[in-house]
Amino acid sequence: MTFGSLSTNFLVHEQLVTVLRGFTSVGPAPATKTISLRIALAQSDKDGLVDALYSVSNPKSAKYGQYLSKVEVEAFVAPSPATQDALNARLEDSGLNATSISPAGDWIGIDILVSKANSLFDADFATFEHQSSGKQVVRTLSYSLSEALQGDVDLVHPTINFLKPFDVALPKTKRAFHEIVPKKRDEERDVTSTCGNGTIPACVHDLYQILATPATNKTNSLGVTGLFGNNAHYAFLEKFLQTYRPDMDPTTNFTVVGIDGGVNDQNGSSVSEGEADIQYTVGVATNVNVTYYFIGPDVDDDPTGGFIDEANLLLSLENPPLVLTTSYADSESGLSFDLTDSVRAAQRAGMFRGRQRRVRVDVPVHLPLRHLTQSLIPEEVWSGFFGGFLIYHPTPDHQAAVGSAYIAAHERKNAERFNASGRAFPDIAAKVDHFFVLEPDGRKRRKPDSGEHYQ
């Protein structure tokens, strides 16, 4: 195997025709700037992992529910020893030290000067500015791998992928509680319904027949993804439980695990996403162990890198959460197929451990094999979320019948607007309107709920 500057036989691995909309090139990246790259190595039996996942997920299969252990999953995803040894040797020949960033060794990380990255990958790294936020990222419009390396490296990231950087409009100080005042007048509210005063835990319990009694299985666990800036305050949660779950111990809390420098600062400001996700997981899934996986500012110019690191962290655990709820999203158009496929591979490995995942559906990249949730205002779709058909991933067998019927009914009118051969999403729909969240201004907000239903 030949790597980087040791070979002049390069083949283009990924490329873009032009800069993604919303970004502008401001010139070559400084040659002496150090950038961090993640390299995904080819897994030893990727197809076998997919087949096995469908087998344990299909109620008609004899292997239904027989999830694999951590060691068994890693046997599917680990690169071959020959690939690992040869790649590491070539990196060392180039003066680079690689660090394994996944438990199976299928992801490695390197810190490298821009000048050397240009040489190793026959690339032209430049600085690009995100126009609306003013933040700058270092990317390239194409990169290559040596001819001998084809088939051993799936991708190098971040290279051609342009996603909006974290752009959280944070207030300068931590905000205080305000009284919640429903918009409807008392005489207009349906006081006989648990949803008559807005969407609160009791409403969710009734709508989806979720037991409000405490969970009896002490091993039940639920993970919540958090992104930098979306702090979840313990005091807000306590007030929320006192207000909407008076039957619960108001000191019921959650655990925080930081990723990429993530710290759930209780003295810092916040936006509503983190407060909502924690309040409605702790407040709906009664006495289920909740862990907040908080991705920090170390990946503020590469949110997908944070999700990769989160997936690999979960894969390293002997007992990962049984459910992970993720509310963050971006457009499929900003991600290459190779990146979506590699992230999907990491996350489906996690599903083998008995986990289900829910995401906001405007990130179809994050896994065609897991549950995608659409938010639904009763009797109408909320325009804040999206549905449709994926660009990269084909229709799975379990969608074939219902998908073909839907396409037959709509294709003539909207044929040019969707990929009829793609995986359809969402899988399920859930209530989204008038969720009460105790946050700095006490306002109502729209929050997709689903992850807590699986407990």
Protein backbone atom coordinates (compact mmCIF):
# COMPACT_ATOMS: atom_id res chain seq x y z
CA MET A 1 0.00 0.00 0.00
CA THR A 2 1.24 3.46 -0.84
CA PHE A 3 0.10 6.59 0.93
CA GLY A 4 0.37 10.29 0.31
CA SER A 5 3.63 11.77 -0.91
CA LEU A 6 5.14 8.32 -1.40
CA SER A 7 3.07 7.89 -4.55
CA THR A 8 2.29 10.05 -7.55
CA ASN A 9 -0.57 7.77 -8.68
CA PHE A 10 -3.56 9.56 -7.24
CA LEU A 11 -7.22 8.90 -7.95
CA VAL A 12 -9.82 11.52 -7.06
CA HIS A 13 -11.85 10.16 -4.15
CA GLU A 14 -14.40 12.93 -3.52
CA GLN A 15 -15.01 16.27 -5.18
CA LEU A 16 -17.43 19.17 -5.52
CA VAL A 17 -18.08 21.10 -8.69
CA THR A 18 -18.51 24.37 -6.82
CA VAL A 19 -18.63 25.81 -3.31
CA LEU A 20 -21.81 25.02 -1.44
CA ARG A 21 -24.33 27.85 -1.34
CA GLY A 22 -23.85 30.03 1.73
CA PHE A 23 -20.06 29.72 1.73
CA THR A 24 -17.47 31.90 -0.05
CA SER A 25 -13.78 31.18 -0.61
CA VAL A 26 -11.51 33.80 0.91
CA GLY A 27 -8.24 32.32 -0.30
CA PRO A 28 -5.80 29.45 0.30
CA ALA A 29 -5.55 28.16 3.86
CA PRO A 30 -2.26 29.13 5.58
CA ALA A 31 0.34 26.44 4.87
CA THR A 32 1.41 26.36 8.52
CA LYS A 33 -2.08 25.99 9.93
CA THR A 34 -2.75 22.68 11.67
CA ILE A 35 -6.06 20.98 10.88
CA SER A 36 -7.63 17.89 12.42
CA LEU A 37 -8.80 15.19 10.04
CA ARG A 38 -10.76 12.01 10.67
CA ILE A 39 -10.09 9.04 8.40
CA ALA A 40 -12.68 6.27 8.05
CA LEU A 41 -11.14 2.91 7.19
CA ALA A 42 -13.03 0.25 5.29
CA GLN A 43 -14.89 -2.08 7.64
CA SER A 44 -14.19 -5.78 7.31
CA ASP A 45 -17.81 -6.87 6.79
CA LYS A 46 -20.08 -3.87 6.25
CA ASP A 47 -22.65 -5.80 4.21
CA GLY A 48 -22.75 -8.58 6.77
CA LEU A 49 -23.52 -6.02 9.46
CA VAL A 50 -26.48 -4.67 7.47
CA ASP A 51 -27.86 -8.17 6.86
CA ALA A 52 -27.51 -9.08 10.51
CA LEU A 53 -29.17 -5.84 11.62
CA TYR A 54 -32.23 -6.49 9.50
CA SER A 55 -32.31 -10.03 10.83
CA VAL A 56 -32.45 -9.01 14.50
CA SER A 57 -34.91 -6.19 13.70
CA ASN A 58 -37.44 -8.22 11.72
CA PRO A 59 -40.18 -9.79 13.90
CA LYS A 60 -40.46 -12.61 11.35
CA SER A 61 -36.79 -13.53 11.73
CA ALA A 62 -35.65 -16.37 13.97
CA LYS A 63 -32.95 -13.99 15.25
CA TYR A 64 -35.38 -11.20 16.12
CA GLY A 65 -34.26 -9.32 19.23
CA GLN A 66 -30.99 -11.23 19.55
CA TYR A 67 -28.76 -8.17 19.65
CA LEU A 68 -25.02 -8.57 19.54
CA SER A 69 -22.44 -7.87 22.19
CA LYS A 70 -19.87 -5.10 21.92
CA VAL A 71 -17.19 -7.62 20.90
CA GLU A 72 -19.41 -9.22 18.26
CA VAL A 73 -20.26 -5.85 16.71
CA GLU A 74 -16.62 -4.83 16.60
CA ALA A 75 -15.79 -7.99 14.68
CA PHE A 76 -18.01 -6.75 11.84
CA VAL A 77 -16.71 -3.19 11.72
CA ALA A 78 -12.99 -3.51 12.48
CA PRO A 79 -10.70 -2.98 9.46
CA SER A 80 -8.49 -5.86 8.46
CA PRO A 81 -5.12 -6.00 10.27
CA ALA A 82 -3.37 -5.58 6.92
CA THR A 83 -5.22 -2.32 6.25
CA GLN A 84 -4.49 -0.97 9.71
CA ASP A 85 -0.81 -1.92 9.69
CA ALA A 86 -0.08 -0.65 6.21
CA LEU A 87 -1.88 2.64 6.69
CA ASN A 88 -0.24 3.31 10.04
CA ALA A 89 3.17 2.52 8.56
CA ARG A 90 2.70 4.97 5.71
CA LEU A 91 1.45 7.68 8.03
CA GLU A 92 4.48 7.18 10.21
CA ASP A 93 6.72 7.39 7.14
CA SER A 94 5.15 10.79 6.50
CA GLY A 95 5.90 11.91 10.05
CA LEU A 96 2.32 11.60 11.26
CA ASN A 97 0.93 9.90 14.34
CA ALA A 98 -2.59 8.53 14.07
CA THR A 99 -4.93 8.14 17.01
CA SER A 100 -7.73 5.58 17.02
CA ILE A 101 -11.00 7.38 17.74
CA SER A 102 -13.34 4.38 17.61
CA PRO A 103 -13.35 1.20 19.68
CA ALA A 104 -12.96 -1.03 16.61
CA GLY A 105 -10.26 1.11 14.99
CA ASP A 106 -12.33 1.93 11.90
CA TRP A 107 -11.93 5.68 12.55
CA ILE A 108 -8.57 7.33 13.16
CA GLY A 109 -7.63 10.95 13.66
CA ILE A 110 -4.58 12.95 12.60
CA ASP A 111 -3.41 16.52 13.18
CA ILE A 112 -1.64 17.77 10.08
CA LEU A 113 -0.28 20.96 8.56
CA VAL A 114 -2.25 22.28 5.59
CA SER A 115 0.86 22.07 3.40
CA LYS A 116 1.32 18.39 4.18
CA ALA A 117 -2.41 17.65 3.79
CA ASN A 118 -2.30 19.19 0.32
CA SER A 119 0.58 16.89 -0.56
CA LEU A 120 -0.79 13.73 1.02
CA PHE A 121 -4.21 14.06 -0.53
CA ASP A 122 -3.39 15.96 -3.74
CA ALA A 123 -5.74 18.64 -2.43
CA ASP A 124 -5.97 22.42 -2.33
CA PHE A 125 -7.26 23.33 1.13
CA ALA A 126 -8.71 26.83 1.31
CA THR A 127 -10.44 29.03 3.84
CA PHE A 128 -14.18 29.44 3.32
CA GLU A 129 -16.45 31.87 5.12
CA HIS A 130 -20.01 31.07 6.12
CA GLN A 131 -21.78 34.19 4.94
CA SER A 132 -24.57 34.48 7.50
CA SER A 133 -22.42 33.81 10.59
CA GLY A 134 -19.03 35.08 9.42
CA LYS A 135 -17.35 31.94 10.74
CA GLN A 136 -14.52 30.45 8.70
CA VAL A 137 -13.71 26.80 7.95
CA VAL A 138 -10.87 25.06 6.12
CA ARG A 139 -12.09 22.77 3.36
CA THR A 140 -11.13 21.57 -0.12
CA LEU A 141 -13.26 21.04 -3.21
CA SER A 142 -11.54 17.73 -3.95
CA TYR A 143 -9.04 15.28 -2.54
CA SER A 144 -7.42 12.13 -3.82
CA LEU A 145 -6.05 8.85 -2.48
CA SER A 146 -3.18 6.83 -3.83
CA GLU A 147 -4.24 4.17 -6.29
CA ALA A 148 -3.14 1.37 -3.96
CA LEU A 149 -5.24 2.78 -1.14
CA GLN A 150 -8.55 2.57 -2.99
CA GLY A 151 -10.93 0.30 -1.12
CA ASP A 152 -9.08 0.63 2.17
CA VAL A 153 -10.01 4.20 3.11
CA ASP A 154 -13.68 5.16 2.92
CA LEU A 155 -13.18 8.89 3.34
CA VAL A 156 -11.23 11.74 4.89
CA HIS A 157 -13.28 14.25 6.89
CA PRO A 158 -13.86 17.18 6.94
CA THR A 159 -12.74 17.83 3.41
CA ILE A 160 -15.51 18.51 0.91
CA ASN A 161 -18.39 18.64 3.39
CA PHE A 162 -19.85 22.05 4.20
CA LEU A 163 -22.27 22.27 7.09
CA LYS A 164 -23.45 25.37 8.86
CA PRO A 165 -21.19 26.00 11.89
CA PHE A 166 -22.70 26.23 15.34
CA ASP A 167 -24.42 29.59 15.33
CA VAL A 168 -26.26 29.76 18.61
CA ALA A 169 -27.55 33.23 19.38
CA LEU A 170 -26.92 33.12 23.12
CA PRO A 171 -28.00 35.82 25.54
CA LYS A 172 -25.19 37.36 27.55
CA THR A 173 -26.55 36.31 30.95
CA LYS A 174 -28.46 33.41 32.39
CA ARG A 175 -32.12 34.26 32.23
CA ALA A 176 -34.68 33.85 35.04
CA PHE A 177 -38.07 32.18 35.35
CA HIS A 178 -41.24 33.86 34.19
CA GLU A 179 -44.79 32.79 34.82
CA ILE A 180 -46.36 30.77 32.02
CA VAL A 181 -49.58 32.29 30.77
CA PRO A 182 -51.50 30.20 28.19
CA LYS A 183 -52.79 32.21 25.27
CA LYS A 184 -56.30 30.79 25.43
CA ARG A 185 -58.77 32.35 27.80
CA ASP A 186 -60.09 30.05 30.55
CA GLU A 187 -63.54 29.81 29.02
CA GLU A 188 -62.06 28.70 25.68
CA ARG A 189 -59.94 25.88 27.07
CA ASP A 190 -61.03 22.27 27.08
CA VAL A 191 -60.45 21.57 30.75
CA THR A 192 -61.69 17.97 30.37
CA SER A 193 -58.66 17.09 28.23
CA THR A 194 -55.10 16.65 29.47
CA CYS A 195 -54.08 18.52 26.31
CA GLY A 196 -56.58 21.32 26.81
CA ASN A 197 -54.04 23.63 28.38
CA GLY A 198 -51.23 22.87 25.98
CA THR A 199 -48.87 19.96 25.53
CA ILE A 200 -47.53 18.85 28.90
CA PRO A 201 -46.31 15.44 30.13
CA ALA A 202 -49.84 14.33 31.07
CA CYS A 203 -50.98 15.09 27.52
CA VAL A 204 -48.15 13.03 26.03
CA HIS A 205 -48.89 10.17 28.43
CA ASP A 206 -52.55 10.10 27.38
CA LEU A 207 -52.01 10.52 23.65
CA TYR A 208 -49.50 7.67 23.39
CA GLN A 209 -50.67 5.55 26.34
CA ILE A 210 -47.38 5.90 28.19
CA LEU A 211 -47.48 4.84 31.81
CA ALA A 212 -46.85 7.67 34.26
CA THR A 213 -45.87 5.18 36.95
CA PRO A 214 -42.15 4.86 37.68
CA ALA A 215 -40.13 2.47 35.56
CA THR A 216 -39.51 -0.79 37.38
CA ASN A 217 -36.57 -1.94 35.27
CA LYS A 218 -33.58 -0.17 36.76
CA THR A 219 -31.51 -0.87 33.64
CA ASN A 220 -33.77 1.23 31.40
CA SER A 221 -31.73 4.07 29.96
CA LEU A 222 -32.29 7.01 27.65
CA GLY A 223 -29.67 9.21 26.01
CA VAL A 224 -30.19 12.80 24.86
CA THR A 225 -27.87 14.54 22.40
CA GLY A 226 -26.96 18.13 23.23
CA LEU A 227 -24.99 20.63 21.16
CA PHE A 228 -22.79 23.48 22.35
CA GLY A 229 -24.89 26.36 23.66
CA ASN A 230 -27.93 24.24 24.50
CA ASN A 231 -27.32 23.98 28.24
CA ALA A 232 -29.95 22.16 30.27
CA HIS A 233 -30.37 23.71 33.72
CA TYR A 234 -31.10 21.56 36.75
CA ALA A 235 -33.10 24.37 38.34
CA PHE A 236 -35.33 24.68 35.28
CA LEU A 237 -35.95 20.94 35.31
CA GLU A 238 -36.84 20.99 39.00
CA LYS A 239 -39.34 23.81 38.45
CA PHE A 240 -40.75 21.95 35.43
CA LEU A 241 -41.32 18.78 37.47
CA GLN A 242 -42.91 20.73 40.31
CA THR A 243 -45.28 22.36 37.84
CA TYR A 244 -46.15 19.49 35.48
CA ARG A 245 -45.15 16.30 37.33
CA PRO A 246 -46.05 16.95 40.97
CA ASP A 247 -46.23 13.19 41.47
CA MET A 248 -42.48 12.92 40.80
CA ASP A 249 -39.60 13.80 43.08
CA PRO A 250 -38.70 17.30 41.84
CA THR A 251 -35.02 16.62 42.47
CA THR A 252 -35.02 13.84 39.84
CA ASN A 253 -32.05 14.60 37.68
CA PHE A 254 -29.92 13.52 34.73
CA THR A 255 -26.27 12.65 34.12
CA VAL A 256 -24.02 14.65 31.79
CA VAL A 257 -21.25 13.22 29.61
CA GLY A 258 -19.12 15.78 27.79
CA ILE A 259 -17.87 15.19 24.24
CA ASP A 260 -15.41 17.42 22.36
CA GLY A 261 -15.09 19.83 25.25
CA GLY A 262 -18.78 19.85 26.12
CA VAL A 263 -19.67 21.24 29.56
CA ASN A 264 -23.27 21.71 30.66
CA ASP A 265 -22.56 25.02 32.40
CA GLN A 266 -25.24 25.82 34.98
CA ASN A 267 -24.18 29.45 35.20
CA GLY A 268 -24.20 29.96 31.47
CA SER A 269 -26.98 31.00 29.18
CA SER A 270 -29.02 28.65 27.06
CA VAL A 271 -31.47 28.30 24.25
CA SER A 272 -34.61 26.24 24.48
CA GLU A 273 -33.58 23.04 22.68
CA GLY A 274 -31.56 21.63 25.56
CA GLU A 275 -34.15 22.59 28.16
CA ALA A 276 -36.96 21.03 26.14
CA ASP A 277 -35.19 17.78 25.37
CA ILE A 278 -34.24 17.16 29.00
CA GLN A 279 -37.55 18.25 30.51
CA TYR A 280 -39.60 16.00 28.24
CA THR A 281 -37.36 12.96 28.56
CA VAL A 282 -37.06 13.13 32.35
CA GLY A 283 -40.66 14.34 32.71
CA VAL A 284 -42.29 11.72 30.46
CA ALA A 285 -40.14 8.60 30.95
CA THR A 286 -40.69 8.43 34.70
CA ASN A 287 -37.60 7.41 36.69
CA VAL A 288 -35.74 6.20 33.60
CA ASN A 289 -32.02 6.90 33.74
CA VAL A 290 -31.32 9.88 31.43
CA THR A 291 -27.86 10.86 30.20
CA TYR A 292 -27.18 14.12 28.37
CA TYR A 293 -24.39 13.59 25.81
CA PHE A 294 -23.21 17.16 25.40
CA ILE A 295 -21.10 17.95 22.31
CA GLY A 296 -18.89 20.96 22.91
CA PRO A 297 -17.16 23.77 21.03
CA ASP A 298 -14.15 21.73 19.87
CA VAL A 299 -16.17 20.87 16.73
CA ASP A 300 -17.98 24.18 16.30
CA ASP A 301 -17.02 24.31 12.61
CA ASP A 302 -17.91 20.65 11.99
CA PRO A 303 -21.12 19.51 13.71
CA THR A 304 -21.00 16.17 11.89
CA GLY A 305 -17.64 15.49 13.53
CA GLY A 306 -19.42 15.81 16.87
CA PHE A 307 -22.00 13.23 15.86
CA ILE A 308 -19.21 10.89 14.72
CA ASP A 309 -17.49 11.29 18.08
CA GLU A 310 -20.76 10.72 19.93
CA ALA A 311 -21.45 7.52 17.98
CA ASN A 312 -17.97 6.21 18.69
CA LEU A 313 -18.26 7.08 22.38
CA LEU A 314 -21.52 5.14 22.62
CA LEU A 315 -19.96 2.19 20.81
CA SER A 316 -17.19 2.13 23.41
CA LEU A 317 -19.66 1.63 26.27
CA GLU A 318 -20.45 -1.81 27.62
CA ASN A 319 -23.99 -0.63 28.36
CA PRO A 320 -24.98 2.17 25.97
CA PRO A 321 -28.39 3.84 26.35
CA LEU A 322 -31.24 1.76 25.00
CA VAL A 323 -32.69 4.83 23.27
CA LEU A 324 -30.96 7.95 21.99
CA THR A 325 -32.97 11.04 21.04
CA THR A 326 -31.37 13.64 18.78
CA SER A 327 -33.12 16.87 17.82
CA TYR A 328 -30.46 18.48 15.65
CA ALA A 329 -30.42 18.61 11.92
CA ASP A 330 -28.96 19.90 8.71
CA SER A 331 -29.48 19.46 5.01
CA GLU A 332 -28.53 16.30 3.15
CA SER A 333 -27.19 18.49 0.36
CA GLY A 334 -24.24 19.61 2.47
CA LEU A 335 -22.95 16.06 2.99
CA SER A 336 -21.29 13.67 0.59
CA PHE A 337 -22.45 10.11 0.09
CA ASP A 338 -19.22 8.73 1.55
CA LEU A 339 -19.72 10.73 4.73
CA THR A 340 -23.37 9.75 5.13
CA ASP A 341 -22.46 6.11 4.53
CA SER A 342 -19.67 6.16 7.11
CA VAL A 343 -21.80 7.90 9.76
CA ARG A 344 -24.58 5.44 9.01
CA ALA A 345 -22.17 2.54 9.48
CA ALA A 346 -21.14 3.83 12.91
CA GLN A 347 -24.71 4.34 14.01
CA ARG A 348 -26.08 1.05 12.77
CA ALA A 349 -23.31 -0.66 14.73
CA GLY A 350 -24.83 1.02 17.77
CA MET A 351 -28.28 -0.24 16.85
CA PHE A 352 -26.93 -3.77 17.02
CA ARG A 353 -26.47 -3.22 20.73
CA GLY A 354 -30.25 -2.93 21.16
CA ARG A 355 -30.53 0.84 20.73
CA GLN A 356 -33.12 2.74 18.76
CA ARG A 357 -32.58 6.27 17.53
CA ARG A 358 -34.77 9.20 16.70
CA VAL A 359 -33.68 12.27 14.79
CA ARG A 360 -35.21 15.38 13.42
CA VAL A 361 -35.98 14.41 9.88
CA ASP A 362 -34.31 17.21 7.98
CA VAL A 363 -31.08 15.24 8.49
CA PRO A 364 -31.84 12.17 6.42
CA VAL A 365 -28.11 11.52 6.33
CA HIS A 366 -27.91 10.28 9.86
CA LEU A 367 -29.31 6.81 9.34
CA PRO A 368 -31.74 5.23 6.94
CA LEU A 369 -32.02 2.16 9.19
CA ARG A 370 -33.33 3.82 12.31
CA HIS A 371 -36.62 5.45 13.24
CA LEU A 372 -37.05 8.95 11.85
CA THR A 373 -39.71 11.05 13.52
CA GLN A 374 -41.84 13.73 11.92
CA SER A 375 -43.64 16.25 14.07
CA LEU A 376 -47.36 16.60 13.61
CA ILE A 377 -49.75 19.27 14.71
CA PRO A 378 -53.01 17.34 15.08
CA GLU A 379 -54.52 16.87 11.61
CA GLU A 380 -51.89 18.90 9.79
CA VAL A 381 -48.16 18.69 9.07
CA TRP A 382 -45.99 21.36 10.60
CA SER A 383 -43.95 23.21 8.00
CA GLY A 384 -41.02 23.48 10.41
CA PHE A 385 -40.02 19.90 9.63
CA PHE A 386 -39.68 18.02 6.38
CA GLY A 387 -40.51 14.68 4.87
CA GLY A 388 -39.82 13.03 1.58
CA PHE A 389 -37.35 10.64 0.00
CA LEU A 390 -33.61 10.38 0.51
CA ILE A 391 -31.19 11.10 -2.29
CA TYR A 392 -28.51 8.58 -1.38
CA HIS A 393 -30.28 5.55 0.08
CA PRO A 394 -32.77 3.26 -1.69
CA THR A 395 -36.19 2.12 -0.54
CA PRO A 396 -35.84 -0.68 2.06
CA ASP A 397 -37.96 -3.80 1.78
CA HIS A 398 -40.21 -2.90 4.70
CA GLN A 399 -41.30 0.30 2.89
CA ALA A 400 -41.85 -1.24 -0.53
CA ALA A 401 -45.62 -1.78 -0.38
CA VAL A 402 -46.69 1.45 1.30
CA GLY A 403 -44.07 3.46 -0.57
CA SER A 404 -45.18 2.29 -4.00
CA ALA A 405 -48.81 3.09 -3.15
CA TYR A 406 -47.88 6.61 -2.05
CA ILE A 407 -45.80 7.21 -5.17
CA ALA A 408 -48.58 5.93 -7.42
CA ALA A 409 -50.95 8.45 -5.88
CA HIS A 410 -48.61 11.44 -6.12
CA GLU A 411 -45.99 10.81 -8.79
CA ARG A 412 -47.87 12.34 -11.69
CA LYS A 413 -48.27 15.66 -9.89
CA ASN A 414 -44.88 15.92 -8.16
CA ALA A 415 -42.59 13.53 -10.05
CA GLU A 416 -39.87 16.12 -10.54
CA ARG A 417 -39.76 17.03 -6.85
CA PHE A 418 -38.59 13.81 -5.22
CA ASN A 419 -36.47 10.71 -5.69
CA ALA A 420 -39.06 7.95 -6.09
CA SER A 421 -36.46 5.23 -5.53
CA GLY A 422 -35.20 6.67 -2.22
CA ARG A 423 -35.93 5.72 1.35
CA ALA A 424 -39.05 7.51 2.56
CA PHE A 425 -39.15 9.45 5.81
CA PRO A 426 -40.49 9.92 8.41
CA ASP A 427 -41.40 6.52 9.83
CA ILE A 428 -43.73 7.89 12.47
CA ALA A 429 -45.40 11.20 13.28
CA ALA A 430 -45.80 12.81 16.69
CA LYS A 431 -47.45 15.81 18.29
CA VAL A 432 -45.45 19.02 18.14
CA ASP A 433 -47.61 22.02 18.97
CA HIS A 434 -47.82 24.06 22.19
CA PHE A 435 -45.24 22.26 24.29
CA PHE A 436 -44.68 24.11 27.55
CA VAL A 437 -40.99 24.35 28.37
CA LEU A 438 -39.67 25.99 31.49
CA GLU A 439 -36.90 28.12 30.12
CA PRO A 440 -35.79 31.72 30.63
CA ASP A 441 -38.94 33.35 29.28
CA GLY A 442 -41.36 30.52 30.07
CA ARG A 443 -42.65 30.45 26.54
CA LYS A 444 -44.29 27.65 24.64
CA ARG A 445 -42.29 26.06 21.86
CA ARG A 446 -42.56 23.29 19.33
CA LYS A 447 -40.62 20.17 20.20
CA PRO A 448 -40.78 16.81 18.43
CA ASP A 449 -41.41 14.04 20.93
CA SER A 450 -40.64 10.40 20.33
CA GLY A 451 -37.54 9.09 22.05
CA GLU A 452 -39.20 8.94 25.46
CA HIS A 453 -41.98 6.77 23.97
CA TYR A 454 -39.62 3.84 23.53
CA GLN A 455 -38.97 3.40 27.25
